[in-house]
N, C-alpha and C. Protein backbone atom coordinates (compact mmCIF):
# COMPACT_ATOMS: atom_id res chain seq x y z
N MET A 1 19.10 -0.96 5.94
CA MET A 1 18.51 -0.41 6.77
C MET A 1 17.74 0.52 6.68
N GLU A 2 19.15 1.66 5.68
CA GLU A 2 17.87 3.33 5.49
C GLU A 2 17.23 3.41 4.81
N ALA A 3 17.19 3.01 3.54
CA ALA A 3 15.99 3.06 2.92
C ALA A 3 14.67 2.66 4.00
N ALA A 4 14.72 1.35 4.71
CA ALA A 4 13.49 1.01 5.05
C ALA A 4 13.32 2.24 6.20
N ILE A 5 13.85 2.77 6.99
CA ILE A 5 13.39 4.12 7.97
C ILE A 5 13.34 5.20 6.97
N GLU A 6 13.15 5.77 5.73
CA GLU A 6 12.83 6.50 5.38
C GLU A 6 11.74 6.33 4.44
N TYR A 7 11.66 4.84 4.13
CA TYR A 7 10.40 4.59 3.94
C TYR A 7 9.27 4.63 4.81
N CYS A 8 9.47 4.11 6.14
CA CYS A 8 8.71 4.34 7.44
C CYS A 8 8.59 5.53 7.97
N VAL A 9 9.58 6.62 7.66
CA VAL A 9 9.05 7.91 8.20
C VAL A 9 8.57 8.44 7.34
N ALA A 10 8.36 8.32 5.30
CA ALA A 10 8.01 8.57 4.60
C ALA A 10 6.07 8.34 4.93
N LYS A 11 5.48 7.09 4.99
CA LYS A 11 3.98 6.71 5.32
C LYS A 11 4.30 6.78 6.57
N ILE A 12 4.77 7.44 7.34
CA ILE A 12 3.70 7.44 8.38
C ILE A 12 3.42 9.49 8.66
N LEU A 13 4.29 10.12 7.94
CA LEU A 13 3.71 11.62 7.55
C LEU A 13 2.82 11.90 5.94
N ASP A 14 2.54 10.67 5.50
CA ASP A 14 1.38 10.83 4.29
C ASP A 14 2.68 11.26 3.55
N LEU A 15 4.18 10.79 3.15
CA LEU A 15 4.56 11.60 1.71
C LEU A 15 5.19 10.76 0.28
N PRO A 16 4.59 11.51 0.01
CA PRO A 16 4.66 9.87 -1.73
C PRO A 16 6.11 9.31 -1.51
N VAL A 17 6.33 8.26 -1.57
CA VAL A 17 7.49 7.51 -1.59
C VAL A 17 7.14 5.91 -1.63
N THR A 18 7.57 5.42 -2.44
CA THR A 18 7.92 4.21 -2.95
C THR A 18 9.11 2.78 -2.47
N GLN A 19 8.62 1.99 -1.96
CA GLN A 19 9.65 0.95 -1.52
C GLN A 19 10.68 0.63 -3.22
N SER A 20 9.97 0.55 -4.21
CA SER A 20 10.43 1.03 -6.22
C SER A 20 11.36 1.80 -5.77
N GLU A 21 10.97 3.36 -5.59
CA GLU A 21 12.29 4.26 -5.18
C GLU A 21 13.39 4.36 -4.66
N LEU A 22 12.87 3.98 -3.53
CA LEU A 22 14.30 3.86 -2.36
C LEU A 22 15.01 2.67 -2.45
N SER A 23 14.49 1.44 -3.39
CA SER A 23 14.84 0.73 -3.98
C SER A 23 16.57 1.39 -4.40
N LYS A 24 15.95 1.29 -6.06
CA LYS A 24 16.77 2.17 -6.77
C LYS A 24 17.88 3.02 -6.43
N LYS A 25 17.71 4.20 -5.11
CA LYS A 25 18.25 5.08 -4.28
C LYS A 25 19.32 4.93 -3.82
N TYR A 26 18.92 3.57 -2.92
CA TYR A 26 19.75 2.68 -1.60
C TYR A 26 21.03 1.74 -2.34
N GLY A 27 20.32 1.48 -3.29
CA GLY A 27 20.60 0.29 -4.15
C GLY A 27 20.28 -1.37 -3.15
N VAL A 28 19.22 -1.92 -2.78
CA VAL A 28 18.62 -2.55 -2.04
C VAL A 28 17.77 -3.67 -2.66
N SER A 29 16.93 -4.62 -1.99
CA SER A 29 16.02 -4.82 -2.72
C SER A 29 14.37 -4.40 -2.07
N VAL A 30 13.52 -4.24 -2.85
CA VAL A 30 12.37 -3.88 -2.52
C VAL A 30 12.01 -5.01 -1.24
N GLY A 31 11.96 -6.12 -1.26
CA GLY A 31 11.95 -7.27 -0.53
C GLY A 31 12.63 -6.70 0.96
N THR A 32 13.77 -6.35 0.99
CA THR A 32 14.71 -6.09 2.21
C THR A 32 14.76 -5.35 2.72
N ILE A 33 14.07 -3.59 1.93
CA ILE A 33 12.05 -2.56 2.27
C ILE A 33 11.64 -3.39 3.07
N SER A 34 11.17 -4.04 2.94
CA SER A 34 9.19 -4.60 3.03
C SER A 34 9.74 -5.08 3.63
N LYS A 35 10.31 -6.34 3.97
CA LYS A 35 11.16 -6.19 5.28
C LYS A 35 11.50 -5.99 6.15
N ARG A 36 12.41 -4.73 6.38
CA ARG A 36 12.63 -4.29 7.52
C ARG A 36 11.77 -3.51 7.85
N ALA A 37 11.11 -2.91 7.22
CA ALA A 37 9.75 -1.63 7.25
C ALA A 37 8.91 -2.81 8.29
N GLN A 38 8.86 -3.45 8.09
CA GLN A 38 8.09 -4.63 8.97
C GLN A 38 8.17 -4.20 10.33
N GLU A 39 10.08 -4.36 9.62
CA GLU A 39 10.07 -4.49 11.62
C GLU A 39 10.46 -3.89 12.40
N ILE A 40 11.02 -2.27 12.02
CA ILE A 40 10.12 -0.86 11.98
C ILE A 40 9.34 -0.94 12.68
N LEU A 41 8.17 -0.79 11.77
CA LEU A 41 6.92 -1.12 12.84
C LEU A 41 6.05 -1.86 13.27
N SER A 42 7.06 -2.40 13.77
CA SER A 42 6.95 -3.56 15.03
C SER A 42 6.96 -2.59 16.80
N ASP A 43 6.82 -3.24 17.41
CA ASP A 43 6.52 -2.73 18.53
C ASP A 43 7.89 -3.00 19.55
N GLU A 44 8.26 -4.35 18.90
CA GLU A 44 9.01 -5.11 19.93
C GLU A 44 10.92 -4.40 19.04
N TRP A 45 10.48 -3.66 17.31
CA TRP A 45 12.35 -3.09 17.11
C TRP A 45 12.01 -1.30 17.76
N LEU A 46 10.53 -0.89 17.92
CA LEU A 46 10.44 0.47 17.99
C LEU A 46 10.34 1.03 19.59
N PHE A 47 9.70 -0.05 20.45
CA PHE A 47 9.77 0.10 21.33
C PHE A 47 10.25 -0.72 22.21
N HIS A 48 11.20 -1.72 21.86
CA HIS A 48 11.88 -2.32 23.10
C HIS A 48 13.49 -2.94 22.93
N THR A 49 13.45 -1.85 21.78
CA THR A 49 15.28 -2.53 21.21
C THR A 49 15.57 -1.22 21.42
N SER A 50 17.46 -0.76 21.35
CA SER A 50 17.55 0.30 21.44
C SER A 50 18.04 0.72 20.05
N SER A 51 17.90 1.10 19.42
CA SER A 51 17.30 1.84 18.05
C SER A 51 17.63 3.23 17.79
N PRO A 52 18.00 4.32 16.58
CA PRO A 52 18.32 5.27 16.13
C PRO A 52 16.86 6.54 16.10
N ILE A 53 15.73 5.30 16.16
CA ILE A 53 14.81 6.64 16.21
C ILE A 53 14.94 7.74 17.33
N THR A 54 14.09 8.90 16.79
CA THR A 54 13.91 9.80 17.88
C THR A 54 12.96 9.71 18.76
N SER A 55 12.93 10.34 19.57
CA SER A 55 11.68 10.23 20.20
C SER A 55 10.72 11.12 20.02
N GLU A 56 10.81 12.05 18.36
CA GLU A 56 9.56 12.07 18.10
C GLU A 56 8.67 11.08 16.79
N LEU A 57 9.60 10.77 16.78
CA LEU A 57 9.24 9.16 15.05
C LEU A 57 8.53 8.41 16.60
N ILE A 58 9.12 7.89 17.52
CA ILE A 58 8.11 6.93 18.08
C ILE A 58 6.93 7.27 18.91
N ASN A 59 7.11 9.15 18.54
CA ASN A 59 5.27 9.68 19.53
C ASN A 59 4.40 9.32 18.31
N THR A 60 4.87 10.18 16.98
CA THR A 60 4.28 10.05 15.81
C THR A 60 4.19 8.66 15.21
N VAL A 61 4.30 7.66 15.78
CA VAL A 61 4.07 5.83 15.18
C VAL A 61 3.20 6.05 16.48
N ARG A 62 3.14 6.17 17.48
CA ARG A 62 2.07 5.55 18.14
C ARG A 62 0.69 6.41 18.11
N TRP A 63 0.40 7.46 17.41
CA TRP A 63 -0.49 8.71 17.32
C TRP A 63 -0.96 7.85 16.61
N LYS A 64 -0.01 7.55 15.35
CA LYS A 64 -0.31 6.96 13.91
C LYS A 64 -1.72 6.16 14.15
N LYS A 65 -0.89 5.24 15.67
CA LYS A 65 -1.23 3.88 15.36
C LYS A 65 -2.48 4.24 16.50
N GLN A 66 -3.08 5.42 17.03
CA GLN A 66 -4.26 4.95 17.80
C GLN A 66 -5.43 5.90 16.90
N GLY A 67 -4.69 5.92 15.54
CA GLY A 67 -5.29 6.69 14.74
C GLY A 67 -5.82 8.72 14.79
N GLN A 68 -4.56 9.01 15.82
CA GLN A 68 -4.79 10.69 15.26
C GLN A 68 -4.63 10.80 14.07
N PRO A 69 -4.70 12.34 13.61
CA PRO A 69 -4.00 12.84 12.31
C PRO A 69 -2.43 13.50 12.38
């Protein structure tokens, strides 16, 4: 899950990172990162379950979904 969280945060903040890089770093498959990233970015995971995501990250996701810079 850590790899997917790092991937999502990087993408939300427009930081250069690939799933392949994180796959090697964390020793998990690209497919797992992709699947978990989709779950993290879904409303169900972010907003309807208890998760370690901070309020700042949730606000960033909301702003990005609304097209804010």
